[in-house]
Amino acid sequence: MGTYCELASDAYLLQQVGDAKSITIIGCPYCANQSIAYSKGVSVIGESSFYGLRGKVYVIAEEANRIKELLESKGKSANVKIFGVPHWGLCWQNAKDRSAVAKACENSDAAIALSCYTGCEGIRSALPESFKVIPGMATLGTIFAYLSVEKGKVVLDKAKTKVVRFKEIKQTL
């Protein structure tokens, strides 16, 4: 189970970036990757090797690179950092993980967090209070992702994956 989140609009991101010249786009390979894949109907979401201890994520990386191109088309410089194994995601950071986030952002004016709200707060906790962290996704509920590995590819089965939006949860309480 994880957090279900959806992407912010390009217009929102550009407005929030404002006059920042250099932006680091930070992507979380877990819930955010699954959420984007679910909402876009993408089934192969990454690769897994060495018993899951190594891997690549596709969907969050593609989205981060798309946003990078958007920012660069507006005269900004941007770089992408996707955190993954051995990191536990942006919401479960230890001191070493926070140091890696700070290093990724050291030459930037702002960061865009492609993660749930908790991951965004994880990024904020690693940076000075004055550093601008922009949420690139809205947290809307929970996702129970049905994943499998087929020939080294991580596959999300949308038909078996369940998303429960907060609105739906509130109605059942």
Protein backbone atom coordinates (compact mmCIF):
# COMPACT_ATOMS: atom_id res chain seq x y z
CA MET A 1 0.00 0.00 0.00
CA GLY A 2 1.18 3.49 -0.78
CA THR A 3 0.06 7.02 -1.40
CA TYR A 4 -1.85 7.82 -4.56
CA CYS A 5 -0.90 11.15 -6.09
CA GLU A 6 -1.45 12.90 -9.40
CA LEU A 7 0.74 15.32 -11.31
CA ALA A 8 0.39 19.06 -10.97
CA SER A 9 -0.26 20.96 -14.20
CA ASP A 10 2.59 22.44 -16.17
CA ALA A 11 1.07 25.90 -15.69
CA TYR A 12 1.13 25.44 -11.90
CA LEU A 13 4.76 24.27 -11.93
CA LEU A 14 5.88 27.19 -14.09
CA GLN A 15 4.03 29.65 -11.87
CA GLN A 16 5.55 28.18 -8.72
CA VAL A 17 9.06 28.08 -10.19
CA GLY A 18 8.72 31.80 -10.88
CA ASP A 19 12.07 33.48 -11.41
CA ALA A 20 14.20 30.59 -10.12
CA LYS A 21 16.94 29.99 -12.67
CA SER A 22 18.09 26.49 -11.72
CA ILE A 23 15.71 23.73 -10.61
CA THR A 24 16.32 20.20 -9.38
CA ILE A 25 13.50 17.79 -10.15
CA ILE A 26 13.44 15.06 -7.53
CA GLY A 27 11.45 11.91 -8.22
CA CYS A 28 10.37 9.16 -5.87
CA PRO A 29 10.49 5.70 -7.46
CA TYR A 30 7.79 4.13 -5.35
CA CYS A 31 4.27 5.54 -4.88
CA ALA A 32 4.76 8.41 -7.34
CA ASN A 33 6.05 6.07 -10.06
CA GLN A 34 3.11 3.70 -9.49
CA SER A 35 0.59 6.55 -9.36
CA ILE A 36 1.70 8.10 -12.64
CA ALA A 37 1.73 4.69 -14.31
CA TYR A 38 -1.78 3.99 -13.01
CA SER A 39 -3.21 7.33 -14.15
CA LYS A 40 -1.55 7.10 -17.59
CA GLY A 41 -2.32 3.42 -18.13
CA VAL A 42 1.34 2.37 -18.31
CA SER A 43 2.00 -1.24 -17.36
CA VAL A 44 5.81 -1.64 -17.47
CA ILE A 45 7.02 0.75 -14.78
CA GLY A 46 10.65 -0.26 -14.34
CA GLU A 47 13.29 -2.95 -14.13
CA SER A 48 14.35 -5.18 -11.29
CA SER A 49 17.58 -7.08 -10.98
CA PHE A 50 19.68 -8.78 -8.34
CA TYR A 51 16.59 -9.89 -6.38
CA GLY A 52 15.11 -6.39 -6.36
CA LEU A 53 18.16 -4.75 -4.83
CA ARG A 54 18.91 -2.91 -8.05
CA GLY A 55 16.48 -1.39 -10.41
CA LYS A 56 15.40 1.39 -12.70
CA VAL A 57 12.13 3.22 -12.77
CA TYR A 58 10.69 4.34 -16.07
CA VAL A 59 7.54 6.37 -15.54
CA ILE A 60 8.75 8.88 -12.94
CA ALA A 61 12.01 9.33 -14.88
CA GLU A 62 10.13 10.02 -18.11
CA GLU A 63 7.90 12.57 -16.39
CA ALA A 64 10.85 14.25 -14.66
CA ASN A 65 12.68 14.52 -17.99
CA ARG A 66 9.56 15.92 -19.67
CA ILE A 67 9.36 18.64 -16.98
CA LYS A 68 13.10 19.27 -17.38
CA GLU A 69 12.55 19.91 -21.10
CA LEU A 70 9.61 22.21 -20.31
CA LEU A 71 11.73 24.26 -17.89
CA GLU A 72 14.64 24.43 -20.32
CA SER A 73 12.28 25.65 -23.05
CA LYS A 74 11.52 28.56 -20.71
CA GLY A 75 15.21 29.44 -20.28
CA LYS A 76 15.74 27.63 -16.97
CA SER A 77 18.42 25.08 -16.20
CA ALA A 78 17.19 21.85 -14.67
CA ASN A 79 18.54 18.53 -13.52
CA VAL A 80 16.82 15.32 -12.51
CA LYS A 81 17.52 13.12 -9.51
CA ILE A 82 15.50 9.96 -8.94
CA PHE A 83 16.03 8.38 -5.55
CA GLY A 84 15.73 4.64 -5.31
CA VAL A 85 17.30 1.58 -3.78
CA PRO A 86 19.13 1.70 -1.41
CA HIS A 87 17.00 4.72 -0.47
CA TRP A 88 13.53 3.92 0.87
CA GLY A 89 11.86 6.72 -0.97
CA LEU A 90 11.60 10.33 -0.05
CA CYS A 91 9.26 9.76 2.88
CA TRP A 92 11.63 7.45 4.83
CA GLN A 93 14.86 9.37 4.99
CA ASN A 94 17.79 8.83 7.28
CA ALA A 95 20.69 11.28 7.67
CA LYS A 96 22.53 9.81 4.66
CA ASP A 97 19.43 10.19 2.46
CA ARG A 98 18.88 13.79 3.59
CA SER A 99 22.52 14.51 2.78
CA ALA A 100 22.01 13.07 -0.73
CA VAL A 101 18.96 15.31 -1.25
CA ALA A 102 20.90 18.36 -0.07
CA LYS A 103 23.79 17.50 -2.41
CA ALA A 104 21.40 17.06 -5.36
CA CYS A 105 20.02 20.57 -4.72
CA GLU A 106 23.24 22.39 -3.83
CA ASN A 107 23.48 24.31 -7.13
CA SER A 108 19.76 24.99 -7.51
CA ASP A 109 17.40 27.81 -6.61
CA ALA A 110 14.38 25.51 -6.21
CA ALA A 111 13.29 21.88 -6.30
CA ILE A 112 10.20 20.20 -7.72
CA ALA A 113 9.13 17.17 -5.71
CA LEU A 114 7.60 14.45 -7.87
CA SER A 115 6.32 12.59 -4.85
CA CYS A 116 3.48 12.44 -2.40
CA TYR A 117 3.11 15.19 0.20
CA THR A 118 5.13 13.19 2.74
CA GLY A 119 7.99 12.85 0.25
CA CYS A 120 7.82 16.58 -0.40
CA GLU A 121 8.15 17.19 3.33
CA GLY A 122 11.07 14.74 3.39
CA ILE A 123 12.81 16.87 0.79
CA ARG A 124 12.05 20.02 2.80
CA SER A 125 13.55 18.43 5.92
CA ALA A 126 16.86 17.98 4.08
CA LEU A 127 17.15 21.58 2.93
CA PRO A 128 17.37 25.00 4.54
CA GLU A 129 14.00 26.48 5.47
CA SER A 130 14.49 29.27 2.92
CA PHE A 131 14.94 26.81 0.00
CA LYS A 132 11.91 26.68 -2.31
CA VAL A 133 10.42 23.18 -2.60
CA ILE A 134 7.49 22.92 -5.01
CA PRO A 135 5.06 20.00 -4.73
CA GLY A 136 4.83 18.49 -8.21
CA MET A 137 2.05 16.09 -7.28
CA ALA A 138 -1.15 16.25 -5.24
CA THR A 139 -1.79 13.51 -2.70
CA LEU A 140 -5.34 12.24 -3.28
CA GLY A 141 -5.62 8.85 -1.59
CA THR A 142 -4.04 5.42 -1.34
CA ILE A 143 -2.88 2.97 -3.96
CA PHE A 144 -2.76 -0.78 -3.53
CA ALA A 145 -0.49 -1.54 -6.49
CA TYR A 146 -0.55 -5.05 -7.89
CA LEU A 147 3.00 -5.55 -9.13
CA SER A 148 4.83 -8.47 -10.68
CA VAL A 149 8.23 -9.00 -12.27
CA GLU A 150 8.28 -10.53 -15.74
CA LYS A 151 11.67 -11.13 -17.38
CA GLY A 152 13.24 -8.41 -15.24
CA LYS A 153 10.51 -5.84 -15.95
CA VAL A 154 8.34 -4.51 -13.13
CA VAL A 155 4.72 -4.61 -14.28
CA LEU A 156 1.74 -2.81 -12.74
CA ASP A 157 -1.56 -4.61 -13.35
CA LYS A 158 -4.06 -1.74 -13.49
CA ALA A 159 -7.07 -4.07 -13.42
CA LYS A 160 -5.93 -5.56 -10.09
CA THR A 161 -4.55 -2.31 -8.62
CA LYS A 162 -6.94 -0.44 -6.35
CA VAL A 163 -6.96 3.31 -5.80
CA VAL A 164 -9.07 4.69 -2.98
CA ARG A 165 -9.41 8.45 -2.98
CA PHE A 166 -9.69 10.32 0.30
CA LYS A 167 -13.20 11.42 -0.68
CA GLU A 168 -14.21 7.74 -0.96
CA ILE A 169 -12.61 6.94 2.40
CA LYS A 170 -14.50 9.83 4.08
CA GLN A 171 -17.82 8.56 2.71
CA THR A 172 -17.29 5.15 4.32
CA LEU A 173 -16.45 6.52 7.78
